[in-house]
Amino acid sequence: MDNVNEKSGDDELAFDQDDAMVRRAAQRYGTVGAMLAGGMLVFDKLLGRKPKEEAAVVIEAASEPGNIDDNGITLVVDANTTVVSPPPHLRRHDSNTSRRVVIKRRKPNPNKGL
């Protein structure tokens, strides 16, 4: 009996994920996107493919990471070259420069004013 319950739980989880994918496609791409996503799910089930399980990625470090906000970053490129980036609170700012201004470019709307 436990195997039946586990299997139905897996099926419900897969159904919920499939349903969420179709809903997301409908929100982003409309009815056609939902139909295409649903069709792709049907083909996937007909072919009987199982989703690949992704292996966990583990990265080991030799020591604890440094605090770059307090200490900055220092990289030794070779015996004669070292690159240093001081922490933000110790960086020198020119008094003549102001804050950086970013202007977003937008496409002109041909229907504006109609």
PDB file of N, CA and C in Angstrom:
ATOM      1  N   MET A   1       0.807  -1.201   0.000  1.00  0.00           N
ATOM      2  CA  MET A   1       0.000   0.000   0.000  1.00  0.00           C
ATOM      3  C   MET A   1       0.851   1.268   0.000  1.00  0.00           C
ATOM      4  N   ASP A   2       2.005   1.223   0.668  1.00  0.00           N
ATOM      5  CA  ASP A   2       2.846   2.406   0.722  1.00  0.00           C
ATOM      6  C   ASP A   2       3.343   2.789  -0.663  1.00  0.00           C
ATOM      7  N   ASN A   3       3.656   1.790  -1.483  1.00  0.00           N
ATOM      8  CA  ASN A   3       4.131   2.070  -2.826  1.00  0.00           C
ATOM      9  C   ASN A   3       3.077   2.791  -3.657  1.00  0.00           C
ATOM     10  N   VAL A   4       1.796   2.414  -3.454  1.00  0.00           N
ATOM     11  CA  VAL A   4       0.712   3.048  -4.187  1.00  0.00           C
ATOM     12  C   VAL A   4       0.607   4.515  -3.782  1.00  0.00           C
ATOM     13  N   ASN A   5       0.695   4.792  -2.481  1.00  0.00           N
ATOM     14  CA  ASN A   5       0.604   6.167  -1.996  1.00  0.00           C
ATOM     15  C   ASN A   5       1.770   7.015  -2.483  1.00  0.00           C
ATOM     16  N   GLU A   6       2.965   6.411  -2.458  1.00  0.00           N
ATOM     17  CA  GLU A   6       4.127   7.167  -2.927  1.00  0.00           C
ATOM     18  C   GLU A   6       4.011   7.469  -4.402  1.00  0.00           C
ATOM     19  N   LYS A   7       3.536   6.504  -5.179  1.00  0.00           N
ATOM     20  CA  LYS A   7       3.426   6.699  -6.612  1.00  0.00           C
ATOM     21  C   LYS A   7       2.389   7.775  -6.922  1.00  0.00           C
ATOM     22  N   SER A   8       1.242   7.747  -6.228  1.00  0.00           N
ATOM     23  CA  SER A   8       0.220   8.759  -6.485  1.00  0.00           C
ATOM     24  C   SER A   8       0.712  10.138  -6.048  1.00  0.00           C
ATOM     25  N   GLY A   9       1.518  10.193  -5.003  1.00  0.00           N
ATOM     26  CA  GLY A   9       2.098  11.475  -4.590  1.00  0.00           C
ATOM     27  C   GLY A   9       3.048  12.017  -5.632  1.00  0.00           C
ATOM     28  N   ASP A  10       3.865  11.138  -6.240  1.00  0.00           N
ATOM     29  CA  ASP A  10       4.769  11.564  -7.304  1.00  0.00           C
ATOM     30  C   ASP A  10       3.982  12.042  -8.519  1.00  0.00           C
ATOM     31  N   ASP A  11       2.888  11.322  -8.849  1.00  0.00           N
ATOM     32  CA  ASP A  11       2.069  11.723  -9.986  1.00  0.00           C
ATOM     33  C   ASP A  11       1.429  13.084  -9.747  1.00  0.00           C
ATOM     34  N   GLU A  12       0.971  13.321  -8.506  1.00  0.00           N
ATOM     35  CA  GLU A  12       0.371  14.613  -8.188  1.00  0.00           C
ATOM     36  C   GLU A  12       1.410  15.731  -8.284  1.00  0.00           C
ATOM     37  N   LEU A  13       2.619  15.452  -7.820  1.00  0.00           N
ATOM     38  CA  LEU A  13       3.687  16.445  -7.909  1.00  0.00           C
ATOM     39  C   LEU A  13       4.006  16.748  -9.368  1.00  0.00           C
ATOM     40  N   ALA A  14       4.106  15.713 -10.200  1.00  0.00           N
ATOM     41  CA  ALA A  14       4.383  15.912 -11.624  1.00  0.00           C
ATOM     42  C   ALA A  14       3.242  16.683 -12.274  1.00  0.00           C
ATOM     43  N   PHE A  15       1.990  16.355 -11.912  1.00  0.00           N
ATOM     44  CA  PHE A  15       0.842  17.068 -12.476  1.00  0.00           C
ATOM     45  C   PHE A  15       0.881  18.541 -12.081  1.00  0.00           C
ATOM     46  N   ASP A  16       1.207  18.818 -10.812  1.00  0.00           N
ATOM     47  CA  ASP A  16       1.286  20.209 -10.359  1.00  0.00           C
ATOM     48  C   ASP A  16       2.367  20.977 -11.104  1.00  0.00           C
ATOM     49  N   GLN A  17       3.523  20.328 -11.339  1.00  0.00           N
ATOM     50  CA  GLN A  17       4.600  20.996 -12.065  1.00  0.00           C
ATOM     51  C   GLN A  17       4.205  21.240 -13.513  1.00  0.00           C
ATOM     52  N   ASP A  18       3.548  20.252 -14.137  1.00  0.00           N
ATOM     53  CA  ASP A  18       3.102  20.411 -15.519  1.00  0.00           C
ATOM     54  C   ASP A  18       2.064  21.518 -15.621  1.00  0.00           C
ATOM     55  N   ASP A  19       1.129  21.518 -14.674  1.00  0.00           N
ATOM     56  CA  ASP A  19       0.086  22.537 -14.668  1.00  0.00           C
ATOM     57  C   ASP A  19       0.690  23.930 -14.493  1.00  0.00           C
ATOM     58  N   ALA A  20       1.678  24.036 -13.608  1.00  0.00           N
ATOM     59  CA  ALA A  20       2.332  25.331 -13.386  1.00  0.00           C
ATOM     60  C   ALA A  20       3.061  25.790 -14.643  1.00  0.00           C
ATOM     61  N   MET A  21       3.680  24.849 -15.378  1.00  0.00           N
ATOM     62  CA  MET A  21       4.390  25.233 -16.595  1.00  0.00           C
ATOM     63  C   MET A  21       3.410  25.734 -17.659  1.00  0.00           C
ATOM     64  N   VAL A  22       2.261  25.062 -17.799  1.00  0.00           N
ATOM     65  CA  VAL A  22       1.264  25.494 -18.774  1.00  0.00           C
ATOM     66  C   VAL A  22       0.698  26.855 -18.384  1.00  0.00           C
ATOM     67  N   ARG A  23       0.433  27.059 -17.103  1.00  0.00           N
ATOM     68  CA  ARG A  23      -0.086  28.360 -16.644  1.00  0.00           C
ATOM     69  C   ARG A  23       0.926  29.481 -16.897  1.00  0.00           C
ATOM     70  N   ARG A  24       2.214  29.198 -16.634  1.00  0.00           N
ATOM     71  CA  ARG A  24       3.260  30.195 -16.876  1.00  0.00           C
ATOM     72  C   ARG A  24       3.343  30.542 -18.360  1.00  0.00           C
ATOM     73  N   ALA A  25       3.239  29.521 -19.212  1.00  0.00           N
ATOM     74  CA  ALA A  25       3.261  29.763 -20.664  1.00  0.00           C
ATOM     75  C   ALA A  25       2.055  30.589 -21.077  1.00  0.00           C
ATOM     76  N   ALA A  26       0.890  30.325 -20.476  1.00  0.00           N
ATOM     77  CA  ALA A  26      -0.307  31.093 -20.799  1.00  0.00           C
ATOM     78  C   ALA A  26      -0.157  32.547 -20.373  1.00  0.00           C
ATOM     79  N   GLN A  27       0.452  32.782 -19.225  1.00  0.00           N
ATOM     80  CA  GLN A  27       0.646  34.154 -18.758  1.00  0.00           C
ATOM     81  C   GLN A  27       1.628  34.914 -19.631  1.00  0.00           C
ATOM     82  N   ARG A  28       2.711  34.234 -20.042  1.00  0.00           N
ATOM     83  CA  ARG A  28       3.752  34.917 -20.805  1.00  0.00           C
ATOM     84  C   ARG A  28       3.409  35.034 -22.286  1.00  0.00           C
ATOM     85  N   TYR A  29       2.822  33.967 -22.858  1.00  0.00           N
ATOM     86  CA  TYR A  29       2.665  33.918 -24.311  1.00  0.00           C
ATOM     87  C   TYR A  29       1.222  33.760 -24.769  1.00  0.00           C
ATOM     88  N   GLY A  30       0.276  33.784 -23.846  1.00  0.00           N
ATOM     89  CA  GLY A  30      -1.123  33.716 -24.228  1.00  0.00           C
ATOM     90  C   GLY A  30      -1.597  32.297 -24.475  1.00  0.00           C
ATOM     91  N   THR A  31      -2.727  32.197 -25.147  1.00  0.00           N
ATOM     92  CA  THR A  31      -3.361  30.912 -25.397  1.00  0.00           C
ATOM     93  C   THR A  31      -2.493  30.004 -26.260  1.00  0.00           C
ATOM     94  N   VAL A  32      -1.867  30.587 -27.272  1.00  0.00           N
ATOM     95  CA  VAL A  32      -1.020  29.787 -28.159  1.00  0.00           C
ATOM     96  C   VAL A  32       0.156  29.189 -27.388  1.00  0.00           C
ATOM     97  N   GLY A  33       0.750  29.950 -26.498  1.00  0.00           N
ATOM     98  CA  GLY A  33       1.850  29.439 -25.684  1.00  0.00           C
ATOM     99  C   GLY A  33       1.405  28.307 -24.780  1.00  0.00           C
ATOM    100  N   ALA A  34       0.207  28.430 -24.197  1.00  0.00           N
ATOM    101  CA  ALA A  34      -0.317  27.375 -23.331  1.00  0.00           C
ATOM    102  C   ALA A  34      -0.588  26.107 -24.142  1.00  0.00           C
ATOM    103  N   MET A  35      -1.125  26.269 -25.362  1.00  0.00           N
ATOM    104  CA  MET A  35      -1.391  25.109 -26.207  1.00  0.00           C
ATOM    105  C   MET A  35      -0.089  24.424 -26.608  1.00  0.00           C
ATOM    106  N   LEU A  36       0.915  25.202 -26.940  1.00  0.00           N
ATOM    107  CA  LEU A  36       2.203  24.636 -27.328  1.00  0.00           C
ATOM    108  C   LEU A  36       2.859  23.917 -26.151  1.00  0.00           C
ATOM    109  N   ALA A  37       2.821  24.528 -24.969  1.00  0.00           N
ATOM    110  CA  ALA A  37       3.402  23.898 -23.781  1.00  0.00           C
ATOM    111  C   ALA A  37       2.663  22.600 -23.444  1.00  0.00           C
ATOM    112  N   GLY A  38       1.342  22.618 -23.527  1.00  0.00           N
ATOM    113  CA  GLY A  38       0.568  21.409 -23.268  1.00  0.00           C
ATOM    114  C   GLY A  38       0.884  20.309 -24.270  1.00  0.00           C
ATOM    115  N   GLY A  39       1.022  20.684 -25.550  1.00  0.00           N
ATOM    116  CA  GLY A  39       1.369  19.703 -26.578  1.00  0.00           C
ATOM    117  C   GLY A  39       2.737  19.101 -26.339  1.00  0.00           C
ATOM    118  N   MET A  40       3.685  19.921 -25.913  1.00  0.00           N
ATOM    119  CA  MET A  40       5.024  19.417 -25.633  1.00  0.00           C
ATOM    120  C   MET A  40       4.994  18.438 -24.452  1.00  0.00           C
ATOM    121  N   LEU A  41       4.181  18.725 -23.454  1.00  0.00           N
ATOM    122  CA  LEU A  41       4.060  17.808 -22.313  1.00  0.00           C
ATOM    123  C   LEU A  41       3.461  16.473 -22.741  1.00  0.00           C
ATOM    124  N   VAL A  42       2.463  16.503 -23.639  1.00  0.00           N
ATOM    125  CA  VAL A  42       1.849  15.267 -24.116  1.00  0.00           C
ATOM    126  C   VAL A  42       2.874  14.433 -24.878  1.00  0.00           C
ATOM    127  N   PHE A  43       3.641  15.066 -25.773  1.00  0.00           N
ATOM    128  CA  PHE A  43       4.670  14.335 -26.506  1.00  0.00           C
ATOM    129  C   PHE A  43       5.704  13.742 -25.554  1.00  0.00           C
ATOM    130  N   ASP A  44       6.065  14.499 -24.536  1.00  0.00           N
ATOM    131  CA  ASP A  44       7.042  14.017 -23.570  1.00  0.00           C
ATOM    132  C   ASP A  44       6.521  12.778 -22.854  1.00  0.00           C
ATOM    133  N   LYS A  45       5.254  12.789 -22.476  1.00  0.00           N
ATOM    134  CA  LYS A  45       4.665  11.634 -21.786  1.00  0.00           C
ATOM    135  C   LYS A  45       4.493  10.451 -22.735  1.00  0.00           C
ATOM    136  N   LEU A  46       4.139  10.732 -23.999  1.00  0.00           N
ATOM    137  CA  LEU A  46       3.981   9.644 -24.961  1.00  0.00           C
ATOM    138  C   LEU A  46       5.307   8.940 -25.228  1.00  0.00           C
ATOM    139  N   LEU A  47       6.391   9.712 -25.270  1.00  0.00           N
ATOM    140  CA  LEU A  47       7.699   9.120 -25.505  1.00  0.00           C
ATOM    141  C   LEU A  47       8.245   8.430 -24.258  1.00  0.00           C
ATOM    142  N   GLY A  48       7.643   8.704 -23.118  1.00  0.00           N
ATOM    143  CA  GLY A  48       8.019   8.031 -21.883  1.00  0.00           C
ATOM    144  C   GLY A  48       9.342   8.486 -21.312  1.00  0.00           C
ATOM    145  N   ARG A  49       9.743   9.675 -21.610  1.00  0.00           N
ATOM    146  CA  ARG A  49      11.019  10.176 -21.084  1.00  0.00           C
ATOM    147  C   ARG A  49      10.864  10.593 -19.636  1.00  0.00           C
ATOM    148  N   LYS A  50      11.888  10.297 -18.887  1.00  0.00           N
ATOM    149  CA  LYS A  50      11.905  10.716 -17.493  1.00  0.00           C
ATOM    150  C   LYS A  50      12.828  11.918 -17.367  1.00  0.00           C
ATOM    151  N   PRO A  51      12.489  12.874 -16.523  1.00  0.00           N
ATOM    152  CA  PRO A  51      13.378  14.033 -16.367  1.00  0.00           C
ATOM    153  C   PRO A  51      14.722  13.620 -15.780  1.00  0.00           C
ATOM    154  N   LYS A  52      15.760  14.261 -16.254  1.00  0.00           N
ATOM    155  CA  LYS A  52      17.098  13.963 -15.748  1.00  0.00           C
ATOM    156  C   LYS A  52      17.245  14.519 -14.336  1.00  0.00           C
ATOM    157  N   GLU A  53      17.874  13.731 -13.503  1.00  0.00           N
ATOM    158  CA  GLU A  53      18.168  14.219 -12.165  1.00  0.00           C
ATOM    159  C   GLU A  53      19.493  14.953 -12.215  1.00  0.00           C
ATOM    160  N   GLU A  54      19.491  16.193 -11.774  1.00  0.00           N
ATOM    161  CA  GLU A  54      20.709  16.983 -11.799  1.00  0.00           C
ATOM    162  C   GLU A  54      21.551  16.667 -10.571  1.00  0.00           C
ATOM    163  N   ALA A  55      22.812  16.444 -10.801  1.00  0.00           N
ATOM    164  CA  ALA A  55      23.728  16.149  -9.707  1.00  0.00           C
ATOM    165  C   ALA A  55      23.986  17.417  -8.895  1.00  0.00           C
ATOM    166  N   ALA A  56      24.167  17.235  -7.609  1.00  0.00           N
ATOM    167  CA  ALA A  56      24.476  18.370  -6.745  1.00  0.00           C
ATOM    168  C   ALA A  56      25.890  18.860  -7.025  1.00  0.00           C
ATOM    169  N   VAL A  57      26.059  20.170  -7.024  1.00  0.00           N
ATOM    170  CA  VAL A  57      27.375  20.754  -7.253  1.00  0.00           C
ATOM    171  C   VAL A  57      27.942  21.185  -5.907  1.00  0.00           C
ATOM    172  N   VAL A  58      29.111  20.647  -5.580  1.00  0.00           N
ATOM    173  CA  VAL A  58      29.759  20.972  -4.322  1.00  0.00           C
ATOM    174  C   VAL A  58      31.113  21.584  -4.642  1.00  0.00           C
ATOM    175  N   ILE A  59      31.349  22.769  -4.115  1.00  0.00           N
ATOM    176  CA  ILE A  59      32.624  23.446  -4.330  1.00  0.00           C
ATOM    177  C   ILE A  59      33.290  23.610  -2.971  1.00  0.00           C
ATOM    178  N   GLU A  60      34.495  23.108  -2.875  1.00  0.00           N
ATOM    179  CA  GLU A  60      35.223  23.210  -1.615  1.00  0.00           C
ATOM    180  C   GLU A  60      36.252  24.320  -1.717  1.00  0.00           C
ATOM    181  N   ALA A  61      36.375  25.079  -0.664  1.00  0.00           N
ATOM    182  CA  ALA A  61      37.359  26.156  -0.616  1.00  0.00           C
ATOM    183  C   ALA A  61      38.421  25.798   0.419  1.00  0.00           C
ATOM    184  N   ALA A  62      39.621  26.298   0.203  1.00  0.00           N
ATOM    185  CA  ALA A  62      40.718  26.011   1.120  1.00  0.00           C
ATOM    186  C   ALA A  62      40.514  26.705   2.465  1.00  0.00           C
ATOM    187  N   SER A  63      39.807  27.819   2.458  1.00  0.00           N
ATOM    188  CA  SER A  63      39.584  28.554   3.704  1.00  0.00           C
ATOM    189  C   SER A  63      38.246  29.272   3.614  1.00  0.00           C
ATOM    190  N   GLU A  64      37.908  29.977   4.667  1.00  0.00           N
ATOM    191  CA  GLU A  64      36.686  30.767   4.665  1.00  0.00           C
ATOM    192  C   GLU A  64      36.830  31.933   3.690  1.00  0.00           C
ATOM    193  N   PRO A  65      35.753  32.311   3.006  1.00  0.00           N
ATOM    194  CA  PRO A  65      35.846  33.445   2.088  1.00  0.00           C
ATOM    195  C   PRO A  65      36.087  34.738   2.857  1.00  0.00           C
ATOM    196  N   GLY A  66      36.848  35.631   2.256  1.00  0.00           N
ATOM    197  CA  GLY A  66      37.131  36.910   2.901  1.00  0.00           C
ATOM    198  C   GLY A  66      35.967  37.862   2.767  1.00  0.00           C
ATOM    199  N   ASN A  67      35.931  38.868   3.585  1.00  0.00           N
ATOM    200  CA  ASN A  67      34.888  39.879   3.548  1.00  0.00           C
ATOM    201  C   ASN A  67      35.360  41.006   2.633  1.00  0.00           C
ATOM    202  N   ILE A  68      34.889  41.012   1.390  1.00  0.00           N
ATOM    203  CA  ILE A  68      35.371  42.008   0.429  1.00  0.00           C
ATOM    204  C   ILE A  68      34.797  43.394   0.713  1.00  0.00           C
ATOM    205  N   ASP A  69      33.703  43.482   1.471  1.00  0.00           N
ATOM    206  CA  ASP A  69      33.162  44.795   1.819  1.00  0.00           C
ATOM    207  C   ASP A  69      34.056  45.520   2.808  1.00  0.00           C
ATOM    208  N   ASP A  70      34.744  44.778   3.676  1.00  0.00           N
ATOM    209  CA  ASP A  70      35.637  45.405   4.651  1.00  0.00           C
ATOM    210  C   ASP A  70      37.091  45.428   4.192  1.00  0.00           C
ATOM    211  N   ASN A  71      37.513  44.382   3.465  1.00  0.00           N
ATOM    212  CA  ASN A  71      38.927  44.241   3.118  1.00  0.00           C
ATOM    213  C   ASN A  71      39.258  44.563   1.675  1.00  0.00           C
ATOM    214  N   GLY A  72      38.276  44.621   0.795  1.00  0.00           N
ATOM    215  CA  GLY A  72      38.554  44.827  -0.615  1.00  0.00           C
ATOM    216  C   GLY A  72      39.037  43.538  -1.258  1.00  0.00           C
ATOM    217  N   ILE A  73      39.551  43.646  -2.482  1.00  0.00           N
ATOM    218  CA  ILE A  73      40.024  42.480  -3.211  1.00  0.00           C
ATOM    219  C   ILE A  73      41.451  42.734  -3.675  1.00  0.00           C
ATOM    220  N   THR A  74      42.314  41.745  -3.490  1.00  0.00           N
ATOM    221  CA  THR A  74      43.692  41.816  -3.975  1.00  0.00           C
ATOM    222  C   THR A  74      43.983  40.532  -4.747  1.00  0.00           C
ATOM    223  N   LEU A  75      44.392  40.685  -6.014  1.00  0.00           N
ATOM    224  CA  LEU A  75      44.718  39.542  -6.854  1.00  0.00           C
ATOM    225  C   LEU A  75      46.161  39.655  -7.314  1.00  0.00           C
ATOM    226  N   VAL A  76      46.914  38.582  -7.133  1.00  0.00           N
ATOM    227  CA  VAL A  76      48.290  38.539  -7.609  1.00  0.00           C
ATOM    228  C   VAL A  76      48.266  37.848  -8.964  1.00  0.00           C
ATOM    229  N   VAL A  77      48.560  38.601 -10.036  1.00  0.00           N
ATOM    230  CA  VAL A  77      48.537  38.053 -11.377  1.00  0.00           C
ATOM    231  C   VAL A  77      49.831  37.301 -11.661  1.00  0.00           C
ATOM    232  N   ASP A  78      50.963  37.941 -11.420  1.00  0.00           N
ATOM    233  CA  ASP A  78      52.263  37.280 -11.533  1.00  0.00           C
ATOM    234  C   ASP A  78      53.223  37.991 -10.583  1.00  0.00           C
ATOM    235  N   ALA A  79      54.508  37.714 -10.674  1.00  0.00           N
ATOM    236  CA  ALA A  79      55.489  38.274  -9.735  1.00  0.00           C
ATOM    237  C   ALA A  79      55.561  39.799  -9.807  1.00  0.00           C
ATOM    238  N   ASN A  80      55.258  40.375 -10.969  1.00  0.00           N
ATOM    239  CA  ASN A  80      55.379  41.829 -11.141  1.00  0.00           C
ATOM    240  C   ASN A  80      54.042  42.561 -11.154  1.00  0.00           C
ATOM    241  N   THR A  81      52.925  41.837 -11.150  1.00  0.00           N
ATOM    242  CA  THR A  81      51.613  42.477 -11.309  1.00  0.00           C
ATOM    243  C   THR A  81      50.666  42.049 -10.197  1.00  0.00           C
ATOM    244  N   THR A  82      50.103  43.039  -9.525  1.00  0.00           N
ATOM    245  CA  THR A  82      49.088  42.809  -8.504  1.00  0.00           C
ATOM    246  C   THR A  82      47.942  43.775  -8.757  1.00  0.00           C
ATOM    247  N   VAL A  83      46.713  43.290  -8.701  1.00  0.00           N
ATOM    248  CA  VAL A  83      45.530  44.117  -8.908  1.00  0.00           C
ATOM    249  C   VAL A  83      44.847  44.292  -7.556  1.00  0.00           C
ATOM    250  N   VAL A  84      44.556  45.555  -7.205  1.00  0.00           N
ATOM    251  CA  VAL A  84      43.945  45.863  -5.916  1.00  0.00           C
ATOM    252  C   VAL A  84      42.671  46.662  -6.140  1.00  0.00           C
ATOM    253  N   SER A  85      41.593  46.244  -5.483  1.00  0.00           N
ATOM    254  CA  SER A  85      40.345  46.998  -5.474  1.00  0.00           C
ATOM    255  C   SER A  85      39.987  47.245  -4.015  1.00  0.00           C
ATOM    256  N   PRO A  86      40.086  48.505  -3.576  1.00  0.00           N
ATOM    257  CA  PRO A  86      39.792  48.785  -2.163  1.00  0.00           C
ATOM    258  C   PRO A  86      38.309  48.612  -1.857  1.00  0.00           C
ATOM    259  N   PRO A  87      37.959  48.465  -0.583  1.00  0.00           N
ATOM    260  CA  PRO A  87      36.548  48.348  -0.224  1.00  0.00           C
ATOM    261  C   PRO A  87      35.802  49.636  -0.577  1.00  0.00           C
ATOM    262  N   PRO A  88      34.508  49.560  -0.784  1.00  0.00           N
ATOM    263  CA  PRO A  88      33.746  50.731  -1.230  1.00  0.00           C
ATOM    264  C   PRO A  88      33.891  51.957  -0.335  1.00  0.00           C
ATOM    265  N   HIS A  89      33.955  51.758   0.976  1.00  0.00           N
ATOM    266  CA  HIS A  89      34.014  52.921   1.864  1.00  0.00           C
ATOM    267  C   HIS A  89      35.391  53.602   1.858  1.00  0.00           C
ATOM    268  N   LEU A  90      36.400  52.967   1.285  1.00  0.00           N
ATOM    269  CA  LEU A  90      37.731  53.569   1.216  1.00  0.00           C
ATOM    270  C   LEU A  90      38.115  54.036  -0.188  1.00  0.00           C
ATOM    271  N   ARG A  91      37.221  53.900  -1.130  1.00  0.00           N
ATOM    272  CA  ARG A  91      37.525  54.318  -2.496  1.00  0.00           C
ATOM    273  C   ARG A  91      37.551  55.836  -2.587  1.00  0.00           C
ATOM    274  N   ARG A  92      38.475  56.316  -3.412  1.00  0.00           N
ATOM    275  CA  ARG A  92      38.621  57.762  -3.600  1.00  0.00           C
ATOM    276  C   ARG A  92      37.614  58.213  -4.649  1.00  0.00           C
ATOM    277  N   HIS A  93      36.848  59.224  -4.313  1.00  0.00           N
ATOM    278  CA  HIS A  93      35.876  59.778  -5.254  1.00  0.00           C
ATOM    279  C   HIS A  93      36.299  61.200  -5.593  1.00  0.00           C
ATOM    280  N   ASP A  94      36.300  61.503  -6.870  1.00  0.00           N
ATOM    281  CA  ASP A  94      36.621  62.866  -7.288  1.00  0.00           C
ATOM    282  C   ASP A  94      35.471  63.789  -6.924  1.00  0.00           C
ATOM    283  N   SER A  95      35.809  64.988  -6.466  1.00  0.00           N
ATOM    284  CA  SER A  95      34.762  65.928  -6.089  1.00  0.00           C
ATOM    285  C   SER A  95      34.077  66.510  -7.320  1.00  0.00           C
ATOM    286  N   ASN A  96      34.732  66.450  -8.474  1.00  0.00           N
ATOM    287  CA  ASN A  96      34.137  67.011  -9.689  1.00  0.00           C
ATOM    288  C   ASN A  96      33.107  66.073 -10.326  1.00  0.00           C
ATOM    289  N   THR A  97      33.175  64.819  -9.998  1.00  0.00           N
ATOM    290  CA  THR A  97      32.238  63.876 -10.615  1.00  0.00           C
ATOM    291  C   THR A  97      31.001  63.741  -9.753  1.00  0.00           C
ATOM    292  N   SER A  98      29.872  63.598 -10.419  1.00  0.00           N
ATOM    293  CA  SER A  98      28.621  63.401  -9.689  1.00  0.00           C
ATOM    294  C   SER A  98      28.220  61.940  -9.819  1.00  0.00           C
ATOM    295  N   ARG A  99      27.081  61.622  -9.292  1.00  0.00           N
ATOM    296  CA  ARG A  99      26.601  60.248  -9.370  1.00  0.00           C
ATOM    297  C   ARG A  99      26.369  59.855 -10.815  1.00  0.00           C
ATOM    298  N   ARG A 100      26.524  58.597 -11.092  1.00  0.00           N
ATOM    299  CA  ARG A 100      26.310  58.081 -12.438  1.00  0.00           C
ATOM    300  C   ARG A 100      24.812  58.084 -12.744  1.00  0.00           C
ATOM    301  N   VAL A 101      24.463  58.594 -13.912  1.00  0.00           N
ATOM    302  CA  VAL A 101      23.076  58.655 -14.322  1.00  0.00           C
ATOM    303  C   VAL A 101      22.877  57.675 -15.464  1.00  0.00           C
ATOM    304  N   VAL A 102      21.899  56.793 -15.300  1.00  0.00           N
ATOM    305  CA  VAL A 102      21.594  55.811 -16.332  1.00  0.00           C
ATOM    306  C   VAL A 102      20.259  56.181 -16.943  1.00  0.00           C
ATOM    307  N   ILE A 103      20.247  56.352 -18.258  1.00  0.00           N
ATOM    308  CA  ILE A 103      19.013  56.689 -18.965  1.00  0.00           C
ATOM    309  C   ILE A 103      18.631  55.486 -19.816  1.00  0.00           C
ATOM    310  N   LYS A 104      17.429  54.982 -19.598  1.00  0.00           N
ATOM    311  CA  LYS A 104      16.961  53.835 -20.355  1.00  0.00           C
ATOM    312  C   LYS A 104      16.433  54.298 -21.704  1.00  0.00           C
ATOM    313  N   ARG A 105      16.865  53.598 -22.738  1.00  0.00           N
ATOM    314  CA  ARG A 105      16.337  53.902 -24.063  1.00  0.00           C
ATOM    315  C   ARG A 105      15.048  53.131 -24.242  1.00  0.00           C
ATOM    316  N   ARG A 106      14.072  53.801 -24.763  1.00  0.00           N
ATOM    317  CA  ARG A 106      12.798  53.150 -25.020  1.00  0.00           C
ATOM    318  C   ARG A 106      12.449  53.312 -26.483  1.00  0.00           C
ATOM    319  N   LYS A 107      11.794  52.294 -27.018  1.00  0.00           N
ATOM    320  CA  LYS A 107      11.345  52.373 -28.398  1.00  0.00           C
ATOM    321  C   LYS A 107      10.193  53.366 -28.482  1.00  0.00           C
ATOM    322  N   PRO A 108      10.158  54.184 -29.528  1.00  0.00           N
ATOM    323  CA  PRO A 108       9.026  55.124 -29.649  1.00  0.00           C
ATOM    324  C   PRO A 108       7.736  54.343 -29.899  1.00  0.00           C
ATOM    325  N   ASN A 109       6.669  54.812 -29.293  1.00  0.00           N
ATOM    326  CA  ASN A 109       5.360  54.166 -29.450  1.00  0.00           C
ATOM    327  C   ASN A 109       4.623  54.844 -30.603  1.00  0.00           C
ATOM    328  N   PRO A 110       4.421  54.131 -31.719  1.00  0.00           N
ATOM    329  CA  PRO A 110       3.731  54.763 -32.865  1.00  0.00           C
ATOM    330  C   PRO A 110       2.262  55.040 -32.592  1.00  0.00           C
ATOM    331  N   ASN A 111       1.666  54.373 -31.603  1.00  0.00           N
ATOM    332  CA  ASN A 111       0.253  54.565 -31.299  1.00  0.00           C
ATOM    333  C   ASN A 111       0.019  55.660 -30.258  1.00  0.00           C
ATOM    334  N   LYS A 112       1.081  56.266 -29.757  1.00  0.00           N
ATOM    335  CA  LYS A 112       0.926  57.271 -28.727  1.00  0.00           C
ATOM    336  C   LYS A 112       0.247  58.504 -29.315  1.00  0.00           C
ATOM    337  N   GLY A 113      -0.742  58.979 -28.620  1.00  0.00           N
ATOM    338  CA  GLY A 113      -1.451  60.167 -29.048  1.00  0.00           C
ATOM    339  C   GLY A 113      -2.664  59.872 -29.893  1.00  0.00           C
ATOM    340  N   LEU A 114      -2.975  58.601 -30.121  1.00  0.00           N
ATOM    341  CA  LEU A 114      -4.164  58.268 -30.917  1.00  0.00           C
ATOM    342  C   LEU A 114      -5.383  58.208 -30.068  1.00  0.00           C
TER     343      LEU A 114
END
